Protein backbone atom coordinates (compact mmCIF):
# COMPACT_ATOMS: atom_id res chain seq x y z
CA UNK A 1 -92.69 -55.88 26.06
CA UNK A 2 -95.03 -53.83 23.87
CA UNK A 3 -93.88 -51.00 21.64
CA UNK A 4 -95.96 -48.58 23.72
CA UNK A 5 -94.06 -49.51 26.89
CA UNK A 6 -90.71 -49.20 25.10
CA UNK A 7 -91.71 -45.75 23.84
CA UNK A 8 -92.73 -44.59 27.31
CA UNK A 9 -89.46 -45.85 28.76
CA UNK A 10 -87.55 -44.04 26.03
CA UNK A 11 -89.41 -40.78 26.70
CA UNK A 12 -88.71 -41.07 30.43
CA UNK A 13 -85.02 -41.70 29.71
CA UNK A 14 -84.83 -38.65 27.43
CA UNK A 15 -86.52 -36.40 30.01
CA UNK A 16 -84.27 -37.65 32.81
CA UNK A 17 -81.27 -37.14 30.53
CA UNK A 18 -82.28 -33.54 29.92
CA UNK A 19 -82.72 -33.02 33.66
CA UNK A 20 -79.23 -34.46 34.23
CA UNK A 21 -77.80 -31.71 32.03
CA UNK A 22 -78.96 -29.10 34.55
CA UNK A 23 -79.28 -30.93 37.87
CA UNK A 24 -76.63 -32.75 39.88
CA UNK A 25 -78.01 -36.30 40.20
CA UNK A 26 -75.16 -37.37 42.48
CA UNK A 27 -76.05 -34.63 44.97
CA UNK A 28 -79.71 -35.67 44.79
CA UNK A 29 -78.89 -39.32 45.49
CA UNK A 30 -76.63 -38.27 48.35
CA UNK A 31 -79.60 -36.51 49.95
CA UNK A 32 -81.72 -39.62 49.40
CA UNK A 33 -79.05 -41.79 51.02
CA UNK A 34 -79.08 -39.51 54.06
CA UNK A 35 -82.88 -39.25 54.19
CA UNK A 36 -84.63 -39.01 57.55
CA UNK A 37 -86.52 -42.27 58.06
CA UNK A 38 -89.17 -40.66 60.25
CA UNK A 39 -90.26 -38.27 57.50
CA UNK A 40 -89.93 -40.97 54.87
CA UNK A 41 -92.22 -43.17 56.97
CA UNK A 42 -94.63 -40.26 57.32
CA UNK A 43 -94.72 -39.92 53.52
CA UNK A 44 -95.59 -43.61 53.23
CA UNK A 45 -98.24 -43.34 55.95
CA UNK A 46 -99.96 -40.38 54.31
CA UNK A 47 -100.02 -42.32 51.03
CA UNK A 48 -101.95 -45.07 52.81
CA UNK A 49 -104.49 -42.43 53.82
CA UNK A 50 -104.84 -41.60 50.10
CA UNK A 51 -105.79 -45.22 49.39
CA UNK A 52 -108.36 -45.19 52.20
CA UNK A 53 -109.88 -41.90 51.01
CA UNK A 54 -109.94 -43.21 47.44
CA UNK A 55 -111.83 -46.33 48.53
CA UNK A 56 -114.30 -44.18 50.47
CA UNK A 57 -114.85 -42.02 47.38
CA UNK A 58 -115.52 -45.01 45.13
CA UNK A 59 -117.95 -46.51 47.60
CA UNK A 60 -119.79 -43.20 47.97
CA UNK A 61 -119.81 -42.20 44.29
CA UNK A 62 -120.93 -45.57 42.97
CA UNK A 63 -123.77 -45.63 45.45
CA UNK A 64 -124.86 -42.30 43.98
CA UNK A 65 -125.32 -43.89 40.53
CA UNK A 66 -127.22 -46.90 41.83
CA UNK A 67 -124.36 -49.40 42.20
CA UNK A 68 -123.56 -51.25 45.39
CA UNK A 69 -119.84 -51.17 46.21
CA UNK A 70 -118.72 -51.78 49.77
CA UNK A 71 -115.84 -49.85 51.26
CA UNK A 72 -114.01 -53.11 51.94
CA UNK A 73 -114.18 -54.18 48.29
CA UNK A 74 -113.14 -50.73 47.09
CA UNK A 75 -110.19 -50.79 49.50
CA UNK A 76 -109.10 -54.23 48.31
CA UNK A 77 -109.10 -53.15 44.68
CA UNK A 78 -107.49 -49.82 45.54
CA UNK A 79 -104.52 -51.39 47.32
CA UNK A 80 -103.93 -53.85 44.48
CA UNK A 81 -104.43 -51.09 41.91
CA UNK A 82 -101.40 -49.22 43.24
CA UNK A 83 -99.24 -52.06 41.93
CA UNK A 84 -100.42 -51.40 38.38
CA UNK A 85 -100.26 -47.63 38.74
CA UNK A 86 -96.79 -47.39 40.23
CA UNK A 87 -94.90 -50.63 39.53
CA UNK A 88 -96.30 -52.48 36.51
CA UNK A 89 -95.33 -51.10 33.08
CA UNK A 90 -98.84 -49.85 32.34
CA UNK A 91 -101.71 -48.02 34.02
CA UNK A 92 -104.19 -50.07 31.99
CA UNK A 93 -104.14 -52.72 34.72
CA UNK A 94 -105.22 -50.13 37.28
CA UNK A 95 -108.09 -49.06 35.05
CA UNK A 96 -109.00 -52.73 34.65
CA UNK A 97 -109.25 -53.06 38.41
CA UNK A 98 -111.42 -49.98 38.58
CA UNK A 99 -113.67 -51.38 35.88
CA UNK A 100 -113.75 -54.66 37.78
CA UNK A 101 -115.10 -52.79 40.79
CA UNK A 102 -117.93 -51.48 38.67
CA UNK A 103 -118.56 -54.92 37.18
CA UNK A 104 -118.70 -56.43 40.65
CA UNK A 105 -121.14 -53.70 41.64
CA UNK A 106 -123.48 -54.57 38.76
CA UNK A 107 -122.44 -52.39 35.80
CA UNK A 108 -121.95 -53.74 32.30
CA UNK A 109 -118.44 -53.72 30.88
CA UNK A 110 -119.11 -50.73 28.64
CA UNK A 111 -120.60 -48.63 31.42
CA UNK A 112 -117.89 -49.74 33.83
CA UNK A 113 -115.23 -48.31 31.52
CA UNK A 114 -117.15 -45.03 31.25
CA UNK A 115 -117.61 -44.78 35.01
CA UNK A 116 -113.90 -45.34 35.58
CA UNK A 117 -113.13 -42.55 33.12
CA UNK A 118 -115.78 -40.28 34.66
CA UNK A 119 -114.37 -40.83 38.14
CA UNK A 120 -110.90 -39.91 36.85
CA UNK A 121 -112.35 -36.70 35.48
CA UNK A 122 -113.97 -35.93 38.84
CA UNK A 123 -110.58 -36.29 40.48
CA UNK A 124 -109.21 -33.96 37.82
CA UNK A 125 -111.97 -31.44 38.63
CA UNK A 126 -111.16 -31.50 42.34
CA UNK A 127 -107.46 -31.01 41.53
CA UNK A 128 -108.36 -27.98 39.42
CA UNK A 129 -110.35 -26.63 42.38
CA UNK A 130 -107.38 -27.11 44.73
CA UNK A 131 -105.12 -25.34 42.22
CA UNK A 132 -107.64 -22.51 41.99
CA UNK A 133 -107.62 -22.00 45.76
CA UNK A 134 -103.82 -21.87 45.75
CA UNK A 135 -103.53 -19.72 42.62
CA UNK A 136 -103.14 -16.36 44.46
CA UNK A 137 -100.27 -17.82 46.50
CA UNK A 138 -98.73 -19.27 43.34
CA UNK A 139 -98.86 -15.89 41.60
CA UNK A 140 -96.98 -14.36 44.54
CA UNK A 141 -94.34 -17.09 44.35
CA UNK A 142 -93.62 -16.54 40.65
CA UNK A 143 -91.20 -13.69 40.00
CA UNK A 144 -91.71 -13.71 36.24
CA UNK A 145 -94.90 -12.21 34.82
CA UNK A 146 -94.63 -14.68 31.95
CA UNK A 147 -94.69 -17.62 34.37
CA UNK A 148 -97.75 -16.20 36.13
CA UNK A 149 -99.53 -15.77 32.81
CA UNK A 150 -98.58 -19.29 31.71
CA UNK A 151 -99.91 -20.83 34.93
CA UNK A 152 -103.10 -18.79 34.69
CA UNK A 153 -103.65 -19.86 31.08
CA UNK A 154 -103.07 -23.54 31.92
CA UNK A 155 -105.52 -23.33 34.83
CA UNK A 156 -108.15 -21.52 32.75
CA UNK A 157 -107.76 -23.94 29.84
CA UNK A 158 -108.10 -26.99 32.10
CA UNK A 159 -111.17 -25.56 33.82
CA UNK A 160 -112.75 -24.55 30.50
CA UNK A 161 -112.11 -27.97 28.96
CA UNK A 162 -113.78 -29.71 31.89
CA UNK A 163 -116.75 -27.33 31.87
CA UNK A 164 -117.13 -27.73 28.12
CA UNK A 165 -117.22 -31.51 28.42
CA UNK A 166 -119.89 -31.37 31.13
CA UNK A 167 -122.08 -28.79 29.38
CA UNK A 168 -121.77 -29.78 25.73
CA UNK A 169 -120.37 -33.32 25.84
CA UNK A 170 -123.66 -35.21 26.37
CA UNK A 171 -125.02 -33.76 23.12
CA UNK A 172 -122.39 -35.67 21.16
CA UNK A 173 -124.25 -38.94 21.73
CA UNK A 174 -127.24 -37.62 19.76
CA UNK A 175 -125.31 -36.43 16.72
CA UNK A 176 -125.12 -38.16 13.35
CA UNK A 177 -121.37 -38.46 13.81
CA UNK A 178 -121.89 -40.58 16.92
CA UNK A 179 -123.84 -43.14 14.91
CA UNK A 180 -120.85 -43.67 12.63
CA UNK A 181 -117.93 -43.09 14.99
CA UNK A 182 -117.82 -45.11 18.21
CA UNK A 183 -115.26 -42.81 19.91
CA UNK A 184 -117.67 -39.89 19.51
CA UNK A 185 -120.53 -41.95 20.96
CA UNK A 186 -118.30 -43.03 23.84
CA UNK A 187 -117.33 -39.40 24.54
CA UNK A 188 -120.98 -38.36 24.60
CA UNK A 189 -122.03 -41.17 26.93
CA UNK A 190 -118.97 -40.52 29.10
CA UNK A 191 -119.97 -36.88 29.45
CA UNK A 192 -123.48 -37.98 30.46
CA UNK A 193 -122.09 -40.32 33.12
CA UNK A 194 -119.78 -37.56 34.33
CA UNK A 195 -122.69 -35.15 34.64
CA UNK A 196 -124.64 -37.77 36.59
CA UNK A 197 -121.74 -38.30 38.98
CA UNK A 198 -121.31 -34.56 39.44
CA UNK A 199 -124.97 -34.08 40.31
CA UNK A 200 -125.48 -37.16 42.46
CA UNK A 201 -122.19 -37.69 44.29
CA UNK A 202 -122.77 -36.59 47.90
CA UNK A 203 -120.64 -33.95 49.58
CA UNK A 204 -118.57 -36.57 51.36
CA UNK A 205 -117.51 -37.95 47.97
CA UNK A 206 -116.02 -34.59 47.05
CA UNK A 207 -114.46 -34.41 50.50
CA UNK A 208 -112.71 -37.74 49.94
CA UNK A 209 -111.36 -36.52 46.59
CA UNK A 210 -110.06 -33.31 48.15
CA UNK A 211 -108.48 -35.23 51.02
CA UNK A 212 -106.54 -37.29 48.47
CA UNK A 213 -105.04 -34.19 46.86
CA UNK A 214 -104.21 -32.63 50.24
CA UNK A 215 -102.55 -35.88 51.31
CA UNK A 216 -100.48 -35.91 48.13
CA UNK A 217 -99.29 -32.40 48.92
CA UNK A 218 -98.49 -33.52 52.47
CA UNK A 219 -96.62 -36.52 51.05
CA UNK A 220 -94.40 -34.19 49.03
CA UNK A 221 -93.85 -31.98 52.09
CA UNK A 222 -92.82 -35.04 54.13
CA UNK A 223 -90.53 -36.28 51.35
CA UNK A 224 -88.96 -32.82 51.19
CA UNK A 225 -88.43 -32.79 54.95
CA UNK A 226 -86.85 -36.25 54.67
CA UNK A 227 -84.10 -34.85 52.43
CA UNK A 228 -83.58 -31.78 54.60
CA UNK A 229 -85.78 -29.23 52.83
CA UNK A 230 -87.58 -26.80 55.13
CA UNK A 231 -90.80 -26.70 53.16
CA UNK A 232 -92.68 -23.42 52.86
CA UNK A 233 -96.18 -24.78 53.46
CA UNK A 234 -98.19 -22.05 51.65
CA UNK A 235 -95.84 -22.22 48.67
CA UNK A 236 -96.00 -26.03 48.55
CA UNK A 237 -99.81 -25.94 48.81
CA UNK A 238 -99.93 -23.52 45.90
CA UNK A 239 -97.33 -25.11 43.64
CA UNK A 240 -97.34 -28.87 44.23
CA UNK A 241 -100.87 -29.36 42.75
CA UNK A 242 -99.68 -27.57 39.61
CA UNK A 243 -96.73 -29.96 39.49
CA UNK A 244 -99.13 -32.90 39.75
CA UNK A 245 -101.25 -31.45 36.94
CA UNK A 246 -98.19 -31.23 34.70
CA UNK A 247 -97.16 -34.77 35.67
CA UNK A 248 -100.56 -36.19 34.65
CA UNK A 249 -99.41 -36.38 31.03
CA UNK A 250 -99.51 -40.17 30.33
CA UNK A 251 -96.29 -40.28 28.34
CA UNK A 252 -94.03 -42.24 30.72
CA UNK A 253 -94.28 -45.23 33.06
CA UNK A 254 -95.63 -44.19 36.45
CA UNK A 255 -95.03 -40.53 35.61
CA UNK A 256 -91.26 -40.93 36.03
CA UNK A 257 -89.32 -38.20 34.30
CA UNK A 258 -92.32 -35.91 33.84
CA UNK A 259 -92.84 -35.74 37.60
CA UNK A 260 -89.15 -35.03 38.22
CA UNK A 261 -89.11 -32.23 35.65
CA UNK A 262 -92.27 -30.63 37.06
CA UNK A 263 -90.99 -30.91 40.64
CA UNK A 264 -87.63 -29.34 39.75
CA UNK A 265 -89.46 -26.43 38.14
CA UNK A 266 -92.31 -25.80 40.58
CA UNK A 267 -90.38 -26.53 43.78
CA UNK A 268 -87.64 -24.32 42.37
CA UNK A 269 -90.20 -21.51 42.30
CA UNK A 270 -90.80 -22.27 45.99
CA UNK A 271 -87.10 -21.71 46.64
CA UNK A 272 -85.95 -25.34 46.71
CA UNK A 273 -82.55 -26.11 45.16
CA UNK A 274 -82.79 -28.16 41.97
CA UNK A 275 -80.97 -31.21 43.34
CA UNK A 276 -83.12 -31.16 46.50
CA UNK A 277 -86.30 -30.88 44.42
CA UNK A 278 -85.13 -33.84 42.33
CA UNK A 279 -84.38 -35.84 45.49
CA UNK A 280 -87.85 -34.98 46.81
CA UNK A 281 -89.49 -36.21 43.62
CA UNK A 282 -87.52 -39.46 43.54
CA UNK A 283 -88.18 -40.17 47.22
CA UNK A 284 -91.88 -39.44 46.73
CA UNK A 285 -91.89 -41.87 43.81
CA UNK A 286 -90.18 -44.51 45.94
CA UNK A 287 -92.95 -44.33 48.54
CA UNK A 288 -95.45 -45.14 45.81
CA UNK A 289 -93.33 -48.02 44.52
CA UNK A 290 -93.05 -49.57 47.99
CA UNK A 291 -96.80 -49.42 48.52
CA UNK A 292 -97.30 -50.68 44.97
CA UNK A 293 -95.13 -53.72 45.69
CA UNK A 294 -97.26 -54.47 48.74
CA UNK A 295 -100.33 -54.05 46.53
CA UNK A 296 -98.87 -56.59 44.13
CA UNK A 297 -98.66 -59.12 46.95
CA UNK A 298 -102.30 -58.41 47.81
CA UNK A 299 -103.23 -58.95 44.16
CA UNK A 300 -101.38 -62.27 44.02
CA UNK A 301 -102.95 -63.42 47.28
CA UNK A 302 -106.52 -62.53 46.32
CA UNK A 303 -106.47 -62.89 42.55
CA UNK A 304 -107.77 -66.46 42.55
CA UNK A 305 -110.85 -65.36 44.46
CA UNK A 306 -112.30 -61.86 44.30
CA UNK A 307 -110.38 -60.40 41.38
CA UNK A 308 -110.94 -63.31 39.00
CA UNK A 309 -114.67 -63.31 39.64
CA UNK A 310 -114.92 -59.56 39.15
CA UNK A 311 -112.81 -59.38 36.00
CA UNK A 312 -113.44 -62.60 34.11
CA UNK A 313 -117.16 -63.15 34.58
CA UNK A 314 -119.51 -61.38 32.13
CA UNK A 315 -121.63 -58.71 33.75
CA UNK A 316 -125.36 -58.20 33.25
CA UNK A 317 -126.09 -57.23 29.67
CA UNK A 318 -122.69 -58.26 28.34
CA UNK A 319 -122.79 -60.28 25.17
CA UNK A 320 -119.29 -61.59 25.70
CA UNK A 321 -116.31 -61.07 27.93
CA UNK A 322 -114.38 -58.03 26.70
CA UNK A 323 -111.77 -57.85 29.45
CA UNK A 324 -109.21 -60.21 30.78
CA UNK A 325 -107.09 -60.54 33.87
C-alpha cells in the first residue's frame, strides 16, 4: 500500500472521527439497518442511469474532437471505471480507463490524458451551472448571512477559476516558462483542449452531463427516503450540488469522510437531522460501492480482451508505452 493511500485513509479516519464527536453514529447505522429496500433500489437504479448518461457524453464529446468512440465501448469502460472510482484505493485507475478510451479512439497517450482532464473540467462546469440555478433557493435555505456569503464566494470563485482557465489558459503553452516547465506546458495544452471541447461538444453532450448531476441529486433524495427522511425537493436540488462540490476535494479514498461532512452540513441546512444526513451519505456511498463491485467483475471478465488492447498497446505517435494496466 502506497504512502499516498495511507495518508488518504488517515485523513478520512480523522474527518469521520471529528464527525463522530457531533453526530450519533449508532443512530445513523440504526436508520441504515431499517432502510427501505424500495428506495435503496431506486438509488442504485438511478446510479445506473448516471453510467449510461456518462457513456453517452463520452461518445458524443469525443466525436466532437475527431475521435471515434462507440457508445458500447464507452459504456463498457464506464461500468468498469466505477470499480476504480468507488472501490479500489485510488481514482488513478479510473482515469487510466478514461485515457484508454481515448487511446482506443485514436488519441496519443499525452493527448488522451489531457482529454480525460478536460472532460472532468466540463463536468465541473456543468455542476457549477446546476449550482448557479439552485443558488437563489440555497440562499433562502441558509439562515445565516455569513453562510450565504460563503456559498456565494465559493460559487463565484469556482466559476471565475474555470473561466480564467478557458480564456487565459491556452496562452500558457506559448510562454517561455512552458518551454522549461512541463506542467505549465501541460496546463496550456489542457486549456486548449478544454476550449475545443467547449466549442465543439454538441448540445446533447451538455444534456448528458446535466442529466448525470440531476441523477446524483435524485440518488441522494432516494437514499434519504430510504432512511425515512421526507426530502424537501427544492432544498435538496439547491444544496446537494454544493455538497458534491465540497466533496470533490481529492483528499480521501472515494470521497469518504469529506462527503459525510458535507452532507451533514448541507442537508442540515435543508432541515435534516445530523444522524439522518449521515445515514443518507453512507447509504448513498454504499450504492456506489455495490455498483463498483459489479464493475470490478466486468473488468476482470473483459480485461484480457478489450481493456488490455486499449491500455497496453502504444497509440499512434507514441514513442513508448507510458501507461500500464
